[in-house]
Amino acid sequence: MGSRTEQSTRVRPAGQRAPARRAPSRRTSRAARYLPILLFVAGYLVVNALLPIPLWVAGIYLAASIVCFIFYAVDKSAATAGRWRVPEATLLLWGVVGGWPGAIVAQQTLRHKTQKASFRSVFWFTVIVNLIVFAVFATPAFSLFAEWTTRPAF
């Protein structure tokens, strides 16, 4: 090995890239990354025990999660191969519709869309929007609101 100056002035042959630098390791465990899904399932089961939720609601979450996972897989494949990508708006739309659990699984298993901070911020915002919509429609809050809006003013 040479001195530091010699190392920094080495020339690479044309077309050869510098070795990729590894991103700093994450501090959260792999299991903790799936915690939002676990908490949602637990909350869903509690709400369902108290106020039965139609089975089709779980079906929508499952179907949207599968579709969302597939979109992430297609986008990851396209990114790797340098092909046309799935628009981020499509990924976010399927997440807000209820596919966010599938998106989390895809992000972790495919290692896709985990580094872009702007995407992650919007993604978590869509998860919160979905959870608020779920809470409003799955609890008496929606029926109380609907009743309040249909009452005569005086």
C-alpha atoms as a PDB file:
ATOM      1  CA  MET A   1       0.000   0.000   0.000  1.00  0.00           C
ATOM      2  CA  GLY A   2       1.149   3.465  -0.766  1.00  0.00           C
ATOM      3  CA  SER A   3       0.618   6.678   1.017  1.00  0.00           C
ATOM      4  CA  ARG A   4      -2.775   8.304   1.193  1.00  0.00           C
ATOM      5  CA  THR A   5      -1.860  10.685  -1.629  1.00  0.00           C
ATOM      6  CA  GLU A   6      -0.924   7.792  -3.908  1.00  0.00           C
ATOM      7  CA  GLN A   7      -4.198   5.995  -3.183  1.00  0.00           C
ATOM      8  CA  SER A   8      -6.383   8.962  -3.993  1.00  0.00           C
ATOM      9  CA  THR A   9      -4.687   9.587  -7.363  1.00  0.00           C
ATOM     10  CA  ARG A  10      -5.069   6.088  -8.782  1.00  0.00           C
ATOM     11  CA  VAL A  11      -6.688   6.020 -12.183  1.00  0.00           C
ATOM     12  CA  ARG A  12      -9.297   3.426 -13.108  1.00  0.00           C
ATOM     13  CA  PRO A  13      -9.564   2.004 -16.612  1.00  0.00           C
ATOM     14  CA  ALA A  14     -12.345   3.505 -18.731  1.00  0.00           C
ATOM     15  CA  GLY A  15     -15.777   2.099 -17.997  1.00  0.00           C
ATOM     16  CA  GLN A  16     -14.806   0.799 -14.575  1.00  0.00           C
ATOM     17  CA  ARG A  17     -16.722   2.204 -11.640  1.00  0.00           C
ATOM     18  CA  ALA A  18     -15.531   2.863  -8.153  1.00  0.00           C
ATOM     19  CA  PRO A  19     -16.577   0.170  -5.676  1.00  0.00           C
ATOM     20  CA  ALA A  20     -19.973   0.878  -4.175  1.00  0.00           C
ATOM     21  CA  ARG A  21     -19.963   2.141  -0.633  1.00  0.00           C
ATOM     22  CA  ARG A  22     -22.176   0.350   1.792  1.00  0.00           C
ATOM     23  CA  ALA A  23     -24.860   2.374   3.467  1.00  0.00           C
ATOM     24  CA  PRO A  24     -24.560   2.624   7.232  1.00  0.00           C
ATOM     25  CA  SER A  25     -26.315  -0.236   8.947  1.00  0.00           C
ATOM     26  CA  ARG A  26     -29.779   0.361  10.275  1.00  0.00           C
ATOM     27  CA  ARG A  27     -30.318   0.368  13.961  1.00  0.00           C
ATOM     28  CA  THR A  28     -33.776  -1.150  13.898  1.00  0.00           C
ATOM     29  CA  SER A  29     -34.083  -4.896  13.878  1.00  0.00           C
ATOM     30  CA  ARG A  30     -35.690  -6.693  10.982  1.00  0.00           C
ATOM     31  CA  ALA A  31     -38.666  -7.669  13.140  1.00  0.00           C
ATOM     32  CA  ALA A  32     -39.242  -4.049  14.208  1.00  0.00           C
ATOM     33  CA  ARG A  33     -39.703  -3.048  10.559  1.00  0.00           C
ATOM     34  CA  TYR A  34     -42.837  -5.190  10.431  1.00  0.00           C
ATOM     35  CA  LEU A  35     -44.216  -3.764  13.692  1.00  0.00           C
ATOM     36  CA  PRO A  36     -46.713  -1.394  11.974  1.00  0.00           C
ATOM     37  CA  ILE A  37     -48.325  -4.392  10.259  1.00  0.00           C
ATOM     38  CA  LEU A  38     -48.506  -6.337  13.517  1.00  0.00           C
ATOM     39  CA  LEU A  39     -50.038  -3.365  15.335  1.00  0.00           C
ATOM     40  CA  PHE A  40     -52.589  -2.865  12.554  1.00  0.00           C
ATOM     41  CA  VAL A  41     -53.624  -6.535  12.593  1.00  0.00           C
ATOM     42  CA  ALA A  42     -53.955  -6.428  16.384  1.00  0.00           C
ATOM     43  CA  GLY A  43     -56.012  -3.222  16.208  1.00  0.00           C
ATOM     44  CA  TYR A  44     -58.151  -4.654  13.417  1.00  0.00           C
ATOM     45  CA  LEU A  45     -58.891  -7.774  15.487  1.00  0.00           C
ATOM     46  CA  VAL A  46     -59.774  -5.703  18.571  1.00  0.00           C
ATOM     47  CA  VAL A  47     -62.113  -3.436  16.597  1.00  0.00           C
ATOM     48  CA  ASN A  48     -63.618  -6.485  14.876  1.00  0.00           C
ATOM     49  CA  ALA A  49     -64.273  -8.149  18.248  1.00  0.00           C
ATOM     50  CA  LEU A  50     -66.073  -5.049  19.538  1.00  0.00           C
ATOM     51  CA  LEU A  51     -67.752  -3.867  16.342  1.00  0.00           C
ATOM     52  CA  PRO A  52     -67.812  -6.565  13.663  1.00  0.00           C
ATOM     53  CA  ILE A  53     -66.176  -5.423  10.419  1.00  0.00           C
ATOM     54  CA  PRO A  54     -67.423  -6.924   7.156  1.00  0.00           C
ATOM     55  CA  LEU A  55     -65.096  -9.610   5.776  1.00  0.00           C
ATOM     56  CA  TRP A  56     -64.704  -7.725   2.501  1.00  0.00           C
ATOM     57  CA  VAL A  57     -62.686  -5.034   4.323  1.00  0.00           C
ATOM     58  CA  ALA A  58     -59.988  -7.582   5.176  1.00  0.00           C
ATOM     59  CA  GLY A  59     -60.250  -8.808   1.583  1.00  0.00           C
ATOM     60  CA  ILE A  60     -59.548  -5.300   0.282  1.00  0.00           C
ATOM     61  CA  TYR A  61     -56.464  -4.977   2.488  1.00  0.00           C
ATOM     62  CA  LEU A  62     -55.208  -8.402   1.408  1.00  0.00           C
ATOM     63  CA  ALA A  63     -55.847  -7.852  -2.321  1.00  0.00           C
ATOM     64  CA  ALA A  64     -54.404  -4.322  -2.277  1.00  0.00           C
ATOM     65  CA  SER A  65     -51.333  -5.586  -0.415  1.00  0.00           C
ATOM     66  CA  ILE A  66     -50.727  -8.312  -2.995  1.00  0.00           C
ATOM     67  CA  VAL A  67     -51.154  -5.874  -5.894  1.00  0.00           C
ATOM     68  CA  CYS A  68     -48.913  -3.332  -4.158  1.00  0.00           C
ATOM     69  CA  PHE A  69     -46.209  -5.966  -3.550  1.00  0.00           C
ATOM     70  CA  ILE A  70     -46.339  -6.920  -7.236  1.00  0.00           C
ATOM     71  CA  PHE A  71     -45.967  -3.269  -8.287  1.00  0.00           C
ATOM     72  CA  TYR A  72     -42.923  -2.898  -6.019  1.00  0.00           C
ATOM     73  CA  ALA A  73     -41.412  -6.103  -7.472  1.00  0.00           C
ATOM     74  CA  VAL A  74     -41.989  -4.881 -11.038  1.00  0.00           C
ATOM     75  CA  ASP A  75     -40.470  -1.499 -10.161  1.00  0.00           C
ATOM     76  CA  LYS A  76     -37.441  -3.124  -8.513  1.00  0.00           C
ATOM     77  CA  SER A  77     -36.917  -5.328 -11.561  1.00  0.00           C
ATOM     78  CA  ALA A  78     -37.239  -2.339 -13.894  1.00  0.00           C
ATOM     79  CA  ALA A  79     -34.820  -0.289 -11.784  1.00  0.00           C
ATOM     80  CA  THR A  80     -32.249  -3.078 -11.828  1.00  0.00           C
ATOM     81  CA  ALA A  81     -32.592  -3.613 -15.581  1.00  0.00           C
ATOM     82  CA  GLY A  82     -32.731   0.080 -16.471  1.00  0.00           C
ATOM     83  CA  ARG A  83     -36.268  -0.163 -17.902  1.00  0.00           C
ATOM     84  CA  TRP A  84     -39.286   2.122 -17.560  1.00  0.00           C
ATOM     85  CA  ARG A  85     -40.249   2.392 -13.890  1.00  0.00           C
ATOM     86  CA  VAL A  86     -43.576   2.216 -12.090  1.00  0.00           C
ATOM     87  CA  PRO A  87     -44.475   5.805 -11.121  1.00  0.00           C
ATOM     88  CA  GLU A  88     -44.104   6.546  -7.414  1.00  0.00           C
ATOM     89  CA  ALA A  89     -47.647   7.926  -7.456  1.00  0.00           C
ATOM     90  CA  THR A  90     -48.897   4.441  -8.389  1.00  0.00           C
ATOM     91  CA  LEU A  91     -47.002   2.839  -5.517  1.00  0.00           C
ATOM     92  CA  LEU A  92     -48.329   5.449  -3.095  1.00  0.00           C
ATOM     93  CA  LEU A  93     -51.897   5.179  -4.410  1.00  0.00           C
ATOM     94  CA  TRP A  94     -51.979   1.421  -3.851  1.00  0.00           C
ATOM     95  CA  GLY A  95     -50.529   1.978  -0.394  1.00  0.00           C
ATOM     96  CA  VAL A  96     -53.194   4.499   0.613  1.00  0.00           C
ATOM     97  CA  VAL A  97     -55.961   2.259  -0.775  1.00  0.00           C
ATOM     98  CA  GLY A  98     -54.926  -0.379   1.757  1.00  0.00           C
ATOM     99  CA  GLY A  99     -51.882  -2.002   0.227  1.00  0.00           C
ATOM    100  CA  TRP A 100     -49.403  -0.436   2.633  1.00  0.00           C
ATOM    101  CA  PRO A 101     -48.813  -3.737   4.508  1.00  0.00           C
ATOM    102  CA  GLY A 102     -47.760  -5.311   1.206  1.00  0.00           C
ATOM    103  CA  ALA A 103     -45.622  -2.260   0.485  1.00  0.00           C
ATOM    104  CA  ILE A 104     -43.782  -2.656   3.794  1.00  0.00           C
ATOM    105  CA  VAL A 105     -43.162  -6.344   3.103  1.00  0.00           C
ATOM    106  CA  ALA A 106     -41.940  -5.492  -0.416  1.00  0.00           C
ATOM    107  CA  GLN A 107     -39.685  -2.702   0.832  1.00  0.00           C
ATOM    108  CA  GLN A 108     -38.030  -5.043   3.312  1.00  0.00           C
ATOM    109  CA  THR A 109     -37.833  -8.261   1.307  1.00  0.00           C
ATOM    110  CA  LEU A 110     -36.886  -6.632  -2.004  1.00  0.00           C
ATOM    111  CA  ARG A 111     -34.803  -3.852  -0.394  1.00  0.00           C
ATOM    112  CA  HIS A 112     -36.623  -1.339  -2.573  1.00  0.00           C
ATOM    113  CA  LYS A 113     -37.647   2.266  -1.845  1.00  0.00           C
ATOM    114  CA  THR A 114     -35.992   2.171   1.571  1.00  0.00           C
ATOM    115  CA  GLN A 115     -33.344   4.853   1.017  1.00  0.00           C
ATOM    116  CA  LYS A 116     -35.211   7.712  -0.658  1.00  0.00           C
ATOM    117  CA  ALA A 117     -36.263   9.910   2.262  1.00  0.00           C
ATOM    118  CA  SER A 118     -38.808  11.957   0.295  1.00  0.00           C
ATOM    119  CA  PHE A 119     -40.629   8.793  -0.816  1.00  0.00           C
ATOM    120  CA  ARG A 120     -40.553   7.309   2.687  1.00  0.00           C
ATOM    121  CA  SER A 121     -42.039  10.494   4.165  1.00  0.00           C
ATOM    122  CA  VAL A 122     -44.928  10.524   1.705  1.00  0.00           C
ATOM    123  CA  PHE A 123     -45.367   6.755   2.106  1.00  0.00           C
ATOM    124  CA  TRP A 124     -45.782   7.028   5.896  1.00  0.00           C
ATOM    125  CA  PHE A 125     -48.157   9.949   5.401  1.00  0.00           C
ATOM    126  CA  THR A 126     -50.333   7.716   3.162  1.00  0.00           C
ATOM    127  CA  VAL A 127     -50.245   4.980   5.806  1.00  0.00           C
ATOM    128  CA  ILE A 128     -51.521   7.459   8.400  1.00  0.00           C
ATOM    129  CA  VAL A 129     -54.252   8.657   6.013  1.00  0.00           C
ATOM    130  CA  ASN A 130     -55.336   5.054   5.429  1.00  0.00           C
ATOM    131  CA  LEU A 131     -55.415   4.329   9.157  1.00  0.00           C
ATOM    132  CA  ILE A 132     -57.489   7.443   9.846  1.00  0.00           C
ATOM    133  CA  VAL A 133     -59.967   6.488   7.123  1.00  0.00           C
ATOM    134  CA  PHE A 134     -60.103   2.937   8.505  1.00  0.00           C
ATOM    135  CA  ALA A 135     -60.681   4.219  12.055  1.00  0.00           C
ATOM    136  CA  VAL A 136     -63.442   6.572  10.927  1.00  0.00           C
ATOM    137  CA  PHE A 137     -65.306   3.939   8.906  1.00  0.00           C
ATOM    138  CA  ALA A 138     -64.704   0.971  11.231  1.00  0.00           C
ATOM    139  CA  THR A 139     -65.868   2.699  14.401  1.00  0.00           C
ATOM    140  CA  PRO A 140     -69.089   4.456  15.397  1.00  0.00           C
ATOM    141  CA  ALA A 141     -67.443   7.783  14.512  1.00  0.00           C
ATOM    142  CA  PHE A 142     -68.641   7.556  10.902  1.00  0.00           C
ATOM    143  CA  SER A 143     -72.224   6.665  11.762  1.00  0.00           C
ATOM    144  CA  LEU A 144     -72.321   9.461  14.349  1.00  0.00           C
ATOM    145  CA  PHE A 145     -70.960  11.895  11.771  1.00  0.00           C
ATOM    146  CA  ALA A 146     -73.447  10.719   9.133  1.00  0.00           C
ATOM    147  CA  GLU A 147     -76.291  11.066  11.633  1.00  0.00           C
ATOM    148  CA  TRP A 148     -75.100  14.545  12.638  1.00  0.00           C
ATOM    149  CA  THR A 149     -74.889  15.725   9.010  1.00  0.00           C
ATOM    150  CA  THR A 150     -78.395  14.493   8.178  1.00  0.00           C
ATOM    151  CA  ARG A 151     -80.085  16.115  11.183  1.00  0.00           C
ATOM    152  CA  PRO A 152     -82.147  19.207  10.577  1.00  0.00           C
ATOM    153  CA  ALA A 153     -80.311  22.383  11.597  1.00  0.00           C
ATOM    154  CA  PHE A 154     -83.141  23.586  13.849  1.00  0.00           C
END
